[in-house]
PDB file of all heavy atoms in Angstrom:
ATOM      1  N   ILE A   1       7.958 -12.916 -83.822  1.00  0.00           N
ATOM      2  CA  ILE A   1       9.016 -13.527 -84.595  1.00  0.00           C
ATOM      3  C   ILE A   1       8.666 -13.592 -86.011  1.00  0.00           C
ATOM      4  O   ILE A   1       9.478 -13.327 -86.943  1.00  0.00           O
ATOM      5  CB  ILE A   1       9.263 -14.955 -83.972  1.00  0.00           C
ATOM      6  CG1 ILE A   1       9.780 -15.000 -82.599  1.00  0.00           C
ATOM      7  CG2 ILE A   1      10.174 -15.786 -84.975  1.00  0.00           C
ATOM      8  CD1 ILE A   1      10.008 -16.333 -81.939  1.00  0.00           C
ATOM      9  N   SER A   2       7.486 -14.100 -86.320  1.00  0.00           N
ATOM     10  CA  SER A   2       6.984 -14.325 -87.724  1.00  0.00           C
ATOM     11  C   SER A   2       6.914 -13.046 -88.554  1.00  0.00           C
ATOM     12  O   SER A   2       7.094 -13.119 -89.754  1.00  0.00           O
ATOM     13  CB  SER A   2       5.644 -15.090 -87.827  1.00  0.00           C
ATOM     14  OG  SER A   2       4.692 -14.317 -87.165  1.00  0.00           O
ATOM     15  N   ASN A   3       6.599 -11.910 -87.946  1.00  0.00           N
ATOM     16  CA  ASN A   3       6.415 -10.628 -88.668  1.00  0.00           C
ATOM     17  C   ASN A   3       7.597  -9.725 -88.548  1.00  0.00           C
ATOM     18  O   ASN A   3       7.581  -8.726 -89.296  1.00  0.00           O
ATOM     19  CB  ASN A   3       5.075 -10.066 -88.185  1.00  0.00           C
ATOM     20  CG  ASN A   3       3.899 -10.801 -88.521  1.00  0.00           C
ATOM     21  OD1 ASN A   3       3.400 -10.713 -89.636  1.00  0.00           O
ATOM     22  ND2 ASN A   3       3.402 -11.617 -87.615  1.00  0.00           N
ATOM     23  N   LEU A   4       8.582  -9.915 -87.732  1.00  0.00           N
ATOM     24  CA  LEU A   4       9.686  -9.088 -87.597  1.00  0.00           C
ATOM     25  C   LEU A   4      10.942  -9.717 -88.194  1.00  0.00           C
ATOM     26  O   LEU A   4      11.969  -8.948 -88.498  1.00  0.00           O
ATOM     27  CB  LEU A   4       9.856  -8.599 -86.174  1.00  0.00           C
ATOM     28  CG  LEU A   4       8.791  -7.822 -85.571  1.00  0.00           C
ATOM     29  CD1 LEU A   4       9.124  -7.521 -84.026  1.00  0.00           C
ATOM     30  CD2 LEU A   4       8.492  -6.607 -86.334  1.00  0.00           C
ATOM     31  N   TRP A   5      10.975 -11.039 -88.321  1.00  0.00           N
ATOM     32  CA  TRP A   5      12.179 -11.761 -88.777  1.00  0.00           C
ATOM     33  C   TRP A   5      11.937 -12.205 -90.221  1.00  0.00           C
ATOM     34  O   TRP A   5      11.216 -13.200 -90.332  1.00  0.00           O
ATOM     35  CB  TRP A   5      12.481 -12.875 -87.845  1.00  0.00           C
ATOM     36  CG  TRP A   5      13.817 -13.449 -88.118  1.00  0.00           C
ATOM     37  CD1 TRP A   5      14.781 -13.134 -89.096  1.00  0.00           C
ATOM     38  CD2 TRP A   5      14.460 -14.449 -87.251  1.00  0.00           C
ATOM     39  NE1 TRP A   5      15.948 -13.908 -88.928  1.00  0.00           N
ATOM     40  CE2 TRP A   5      15.815 -14.650 -87.866  1.00  0.00           C
ATOM     41  CE3 TRP A   5      14.129 -15.064 -86.141  1.00  0.00           C
ATOM     42  CZ2 TRP A   5      16.680 -15.585 -87.355  1.00  0.00           C
ATOM     43  CZ3 TRP A   5      15.025 -15.968 -85.509  1.00  0.00           C
ATOM     44  CH2 TRP A   5      16.280 -16.248 -86.200  1.00  0.00           C
ATOM     45  N   ALA A   6      12.441 -11.641 -91.207  1.00  0.00           N
ATOM     46  CA  ALA A   6      12.205 -11.826 -92.641  1.00  0.00           C
ATOM     47  C   ALA A   6      12.602 -13.299 -92.975  1.00  0.00           C
ATOM     48  O   ALA A   6      12.128 -13.930 -93.854  1.00  0.00           O
ATOM     49  CB  ALA A   6      12.862 -10.896 -93.482  1.00  0.00           C
ATOM     50  N   ARG A   7      13.688 -13.780 -92.329  1.00  0.00           N
ATOM     51  CA  ARG A   7      14.190 -15.117 -92.648  1.00  0.00           C
ATOM     52  C   ARG A   7      13.570 -16.244 -91.779  1.00  0.00           C
ATOM     53  O   ARG A   7      14.044 -17.361 -91.880  1.00  0.00           O
ATOM     54  CB  ARG A   7      15.758 -15.181 -92.529  1.00  0.00           C
ATOM     55  CG  ARG A   7      16.468 -14.205 -93.506  1.00  0.00           C
ATOM     56  CD  ARG A   7      17.982 -14.380 -93.349  1.00  0.00           C
ATOM     57  NE  ARG A   7      18.377 -15.793 -93.603  1.00  0.00           N
ATOM     58  CZ  ARG A   7      19.602 -16.348 -93.239  1.00  0.00           C
ATOM     59  NH1 ARG A   7      20.467 -15.616 -92.583  1.00  0.00           N
ATOM     60  NH2 ARG A   7      19.867 -17.514 -93.547  1.00  0.00           N
ATOM     61  N   TRP A   8      12.506 -16.012 -91.086  1.00  0.00           N
ATOM     62  CA  TRP A   8      11.902 -16.996 -90.344  1.00  0.00           C
ATOM     63  C   TRP A   8      11.309 -18.126 -91.186  1.00  0.00           C
ATOM     64  O   TRP A   8      10.755 -17.852 -92.239  1.00  0.00           O
ATOM     65  CB  TRP A   8      10.840 -16.410 -89.434  1.00  0.00           C
ATOM     66  CG  TRP A   8      10.166 -17.405 -88.502  1.00  0.00           C
ATOM     67  CD1 TRP A   8       8.940 -17.940 -88.530  1.00  0.00           C
ATOM     68  CD2 TRP A   8      10.751 -18.113 -87.405  1.00  0.00           C
ATOM     69  NE1 TRP A   8       8.706 -18.862 -87.625  1.00  0.00           N
ATOM     70  CE2 TRP A   8       9.836 -18.914 -86.835  1.00  0.00           C
ATOM     71  CE3 TRP A   8      12.028 -18.031 -86.825  1.00  0.00           C
ATOM     72  CZ2 TRP A   8      10.094 -19.754 -85.662  1.00  0.00           C
ATOM     73  CZ3 TRP A   8      12.296 -18.801 -85.621  1.00  0.00           C
ATOM     74  CH2 TRP A   8      11.325 -19.651 -85.169  1.00  0.00           C
ATOM     75  N   ASN A   9      11.481 -19.376 -90.724  1.00  0.00           N
ATOM     76  CA  ASN A   9      10.994 -20.543 -91.464  1.00  0.00           C
ATOM     77  C   ASN A   9       9.605 -20.880 -91.200  1.00  0.00           C
ATOM     78  O   ASN A   9       9.231 -21.741 -90.327  1.00  0.00           O
ATOM     79  CB  ASN A   9      11.883 -21.755 -91.196  1.00  0.00           C
ATOM     80  CG  ASN A   9      11.829 -22.858 -92.265  1.00  0.00           C
ATOM     81  OD1 ASN A   9      10.760 -23.059 -92.850  1.00  0.00           O
ATOM     82  ND2 ASN A   9      12.896 -23.532 -92.434  1.00  0.00           N
ATOM     83  N   PHE A  10       8.676 -20.233 -91.940  1.00  0.00           N
ATOM     84  CA  PHE A  10       7.290 -20.328 -91.619  1.00  0.00           C
ATOM     85  C   PHE A  10       6.785 -21.754 -91.890  1.00  0.00           C
ATOM     86  O   PHE A  10       5.962 -22.352 -91.063  1.00  0.00           O
ATOM     87  CB  PHE A  10       6.463 -19.481 -92.540  1.00  0.00           C
ATOM     88  CG  PHE A  10       6.616 -17.906 -92.374  1.00  0.00           C
ATOM     89  CD1 PHE A  10       7.617 -17.280 -93.031  1.00  0.00           C
ATOM     90  CD2 PHE A  10       5.871 -17.280 -91.441  1.00  0.00           C
ATOM     91  CE1 PHE A  10       7.868 -15.871 -92.831  1.00  0.00           C
ATOM     92  CE2 PHE A  10       6.042 -15.925 -91.240  1.00  0.00           C
ATOM     93  CZ  PHE A  10       6.999 -15.211 -91.865  1.00  0.00           C
ATOM     94  N   GLN A  11       7.200 -22.361 -92.925  1.00  0.00           N
ATOM     95  CA  GLN A  11       6.785 -23.690 -93.367  1.00  0.00           C
ATOM     96  C   GLN A  11       7.176 -24.711 -92.310  1.00  0.00           C
ATOM     97  O   GLN A  11       6.318 -25.515 -91.853  1.00  0.00           O
ATOM     98  CB  GLN A  11       7.432 -24.077 -94.700  1.00  0.00           C
ATOM     99  CG  GLN A  11       6.858 -25.326 -95.300  1.00  0.00           C
ATOM    100  CD  GLN A  11       7.372 -25.625 -96.701  1.00  0.00           C
ATOM    101  OE1 GLN A  11       8.317 -25.041 -97.049  1.00  0.00           O
ATOM    102  NE2 GLN A  11       6.719 -26.549 -97.337  1.00  0.00           N
ATOM    103  N   PHE A  12       8.365 -24.693 -91.825  1.00  0.00           N
ATOM    104  CA  PHE A  12       8.848 -25.619 -90.716  1.00  0.00           C
ATOM    105  C   PHE A  12       7.983 -25.446 -89.542  1.00  0.00           C
ATOM    106  O   PHE A  12       7.666 -26.284 -88.787  1.00  0.00           O
ATOM    107  CB  PHE A  12      10.295 -25.645 -90.452  1.00  0.00           C
ATOM    108  CG  PHE A  12      10.785 -26.422 -89.404  1.00  0.00           C
ATOM    109  CD1 PHE A  12      10.925 -27.793 -89.629  1.00  0.00           C
ATOM    110  CD2 PHE A  12      11.020 -25.960 -88.146  1.00  0.00           C
ATOM    111  CE1 PHE A  12      11.282 -28.674 -88.626  1.00  0.00           C
ATOM    112  CE2 PHE A  12      11.386 -26.794 -87.064  1.00  0.00           C
ATOM    113  CZ  PHE A  12      11.510 -28.125 -87.270  1.00  0.00           C
ATOM    114  N   ALA A  13       7.885 -24.153 -89.068  1.00  0.00           N
ATOM    115  CA  ALA A  13       7.149 -23.876 -87.877  1.00  0.00           C
ATOM    116  C   ALA A  13       5.751 -24.450 -87.914  1.00  0.00           C
ATOM    117  O   ALA A  13       5.252 -25.031 -86.854  1.00  0.00           O
ATOM    118  CB  ALA A  13       7.093 -22.399 -87.656  1.00  0.00           C
ATOM    119  N   LEU A  14       5.031 -24.276 -89.091  1.00  0.00           N
ATOM    120  CA  LEU A  14       3.701 -24.870 -89.184  1.00  0.00           C
ATOM    121  C   LEU A  14       3.710 -26.427 -89.097  1.00  0.00           C
ATOM    122  O   LEU A  14       2.884 -27.061 -88.416  1.00  0.00           O
ATOM    123  CB  LEU A  14       3.048 -24.405 -90.479  1.00  0.00           C
ATOM    124  CG  LEU A  14       1.601 -24.714 -90.585  1.00  0.00           C
ATOM    125  CD1 LEU A  14       0.765 -24.122 -89.627  1.00  0.00           C
ATOM    126  CD2 LEU A  14       1.118 -24.277 -92.138  1.00  0.00           C
ATOM    127  N   LYS A  15       4.636 -27.085 -89.789  1.00  0.00           N
ATOM    128  CA  LYS A  15       4.816 -28.476 -89.748  1.00  0.00           C
ATOM    129  C   LYS A  15       5.087 -29.022 -88.335  1.00  0.00           C
ATOM    130  O   LYS A  15       4.584 -29.996 -87.906  1.00  0.00           O
ATOM    131  CB  LYS A  15       5.855 -29.001 -90.715  1.00  0.00           C
ATOM    132  CG  LYS A  15       5.501 -28.864 -92.167  1.00  0.00           C
ATOM    133  CD  LYS A  15       6.546 -29.315 -93.000  1.00  0.00           C
ATOM    134  CE  LYS A  15       6.154 -29.240 -94.489  1.00  0.00           C
ATOM    135  NZ  LYS A  15       7.208 -29.758 -95.466  1.00  0.00           N
ATOM    136  N   ALA A  16       6.074 -28.275 -87.632  1.00  0.00           N
ATOM    137  CA  ALA A  16       6.360 -28.659 -86.338  1.00  0.00           C
ATOM    138  C   ALA A  16       5.139 -28.564 -85.347  1.00  0.00           C
ATOM    139  O   ALA A  16       4.963 -29.382 -84.466  1.00  0.00           O
ATOM    140  CB  ALA A  16       7.567 -27.772 -85.743  1.00  0.00           C
ATOM    141  N   GLY A  17       4.348 -27.418 -85.549  1.00  0.00           N
ATOM    142  CA  GLY A  17       3.133 -27.301 -84.747  1.00  0.00           C
ATOM    143  C   GLY A  17       2.213 -28.487 -84.990  1.00  0.00           C
ATOM    144  O   GLY A  17       1.603 -29.029 -84.070  1.00  0.00           O
ATOM    145  N   ALA A  18       1.988 -29.011 -86.176  1.00  0.00           N
ATOM    146  CA  ALA A  18       1.227 -30.136 -86.486  1.00  0.00           C
ATOM    147  C   ALA A  18       1.623 -31.423 -85.696  1.00  0.00           C
ATOM    148  O   ALA A  18       0.832 -32.147 -85.229  1.00  0.00           O
ATOM    149  CB  ALA A  18       1.126 -30.335 -87.989  1.00  0.00           C
ATOM    150  N   ILE A  19       2.946 -31.637 -85.771  1.00  0.00           N
ATOM    151  CA  ILE A  19       3.469 -32.809 -85.119  1.00  0.00           C
ATOM    152  C   ILE A  19       3.298 -32.710 -83.581  1.00  0.00           C
ATOM    153  O   ILE A  19       2.937 -33.636 -82.931  1.00  0.00           O
ATOM    154  CB  ILE A  19       4.965 -32.991 -85.398  1.00  0.00           C
ATOM    155  CG1 ILE A  19       5.104 -33.382 -86.992  1.00  0.00           C
ATOM    156  CG2 ILE A  19       5.580 -34.175 -84.648  1.00  0.00           C
ATOM    157  CD1 ILE A  19       6.526 -33.462 -87.417  1.00  0.00           C
ATOM    158  N   LEU A  20       3.553 -31.451 -83.090  1.00  0.00           N
ATOM    159  CA  LEU A  20       3.402 -31.270 -81.601  1.00  0.00           C
ATOM    160  C   LEU A  20       1.957 -31.514 -81.185  1.00  0.00           C
ATOM    161  O   LEU A  20       1.753 -31.997 -80.046  1.00  0.00           O
ATOM    162  CB  LEU A  20       3.959 -29.875 -81.277  1.00  0.00           C
ATOM    163  CG  LEU A  20       5.443 -29.746 -81.250  1.00  0.00           C
ATOM    164  CD1 LEU A  20       5.733 -28.208 -81.359  1.00  0.00           C
ATOM    165  CD2 LEU A  20       6.057 -30.271 -80.010  1.00  0.00           C
ATOM    166  N   ILE A  21       1.048 -31.127 -81.935  1.00  0.00           N
ATOM    167  CA  ILE A  21      -0.437 -31.356 -81.632  1.00  0.00           C
ATOM    168  C   ILE A  21      -0.625 -32.841 -81.532  1.00  0.00           C
ATOM    169  O   ILE A  21      -1.381 -33.278 -80.549  1.00  0.00           O
ATOM    170  CB  ILE A  21      -1.242 -30.672 -82.715  1.00  0.00           C
ATOM    171  CG1 ILE A  21      -1.163 -29.199 -82.685  1.00  0.00           C
ATOM    172  CG2 ILE A  21      -2.704 -31.267 -82.536  1.00  0.00           C
ATOM    173  CD1 ILE A  21      -1.743 -28.486 -83.849  1.00  0.00           C
ATOM    174  N   LEU A  22      -0.104 -33.655 -82.439  1.00  0.00           N
ATOM    175  CA  LEU A  22      -0.269 -35.086 -82.363  1.00  0.00           C
ATOM    176  C   LEU A  22       0.280 -35.690 -81.002  1.00  0.00           C
ATOM    177  O   LEU A  22      -0.257 -36.528 -80.373  1.00  0.00           O
ATOM    178  CB  LEU A  22       0.433 -35.741 -83.503  1.00  0.00           C
ATOM    179  CG  LEU A  22      -0.203 -35.633 -84.854  1.00  0.00           C
ATOM    180  CD1 LEU A  22       0.551 -36.489 -85.938  1.00  0.00           C
ATOM    181  CD2 LEU A  22      -1.669 -36.206 -84.908  1.00  0.00           C
ATOM    182  N   ILE A  23       1.517 -35.114 -80.667  1.00  0.00           N
ATOM    183  CA  ILE A  23       2.067 -35.565 -79.396  1.00  0.00           C
ATOM    184  C   ILE A  23       1.278 -35.210 -78.243  1.00  0.00           C
ATOM    185  O   ILE A  23       1.056 -36.074 -77.316  1.00  0.00           O
ATOM    186  CB  ILE A  23       3.438 -34.879 -79.198  1.00  0.00           C
ATOM    187  CG1 ILE A  23       4.444 -35.369 -80.299  1.00  0.00           C
ATOM    188  CG2 ILE A  23       4.129 -35.193 -77.884  1.00  0.00           C
ATOM    189  CD1 ILE A  23       5.804 -34.610 -80.389  1.00  0.00           C
ATOM    190  N   VAL A  24       0.752 -34.036 -78.140  1.00  0.00           N
ATOM    191  CA  VAL A  24      -0.135 -33.562 -77.109  1.00  0.00           C
ATOM    192  C   VAL A  24      -1.382 -34.431 -76.986  1.00  0.00           C
ATOM    193  O   VAL A  24      -1.755 -34.861 -75.918  1.00  0.00           O
ATOM    194  CB  VAL A  24      -0.492 -32.124 -77.155  1.00  0.00           C
ATOM    195  CG1 VAL A  24      -1.511 -31.728 -76.102  1.00  0.00           C
ATOM    196  CG2 VAL A  24       0.751 -31.221 -77.080  1.00  0.00           C
ATOM    197  N   MET A  25      -2.042 -34.717 -78.142  1.00  0.00           N
ATOM    198  CA  MET A  25      -3.139 -35.621 -78.072  1.00  0.00           C
ATOM    199  C   MET A  25      -2.880 -36.947 -77.667  1.00  0.00           C
ATOM    200  O   MET A  25      -3.684 -37.564 -76.893  1.00  0.00           O
ATOM    201  CB  MET A  25      -3.828 -35.550 -79.541  1.00  0.00           C
ATOM    202  CG  MET A  25      -4.547 -34.325 -79.875  1.00  0.00           C
ATOM    203  SD  MET A  25      -5.830 -33.912 -78.792  1.00  0.00           S
ATOM    204  CE  MET A  25      -7.078 -35.216 -79.151  1.00  0.00           C
ATOM    205  N   ALA A  26      -1.728 -37.556 -78.104  1.00  0.00           N
ATOM    206  CA  ALA A  26      -1.306 -38.899 -77.583  1.00  0.00           C
ATOM    207  C   ALA A  26      -1.088 -38.996 -76.057  1.00  0.00           C
ATOM    208  O   ALA A  26      -1.474 -39.882 -75.407  1.00  0.00           O
ATOM    209  CB  ALA A  26      -0.100 -39.314 -78.397  1.00  0.00           C
TER     210      ALA A  26
END
């Protein structure tokens, strides 16, 4: 997705990953 889709929202994907990690740890 990240390398074939030029309009992919990299920044949001990274932020979403950080929040999801907090959820998993909780």
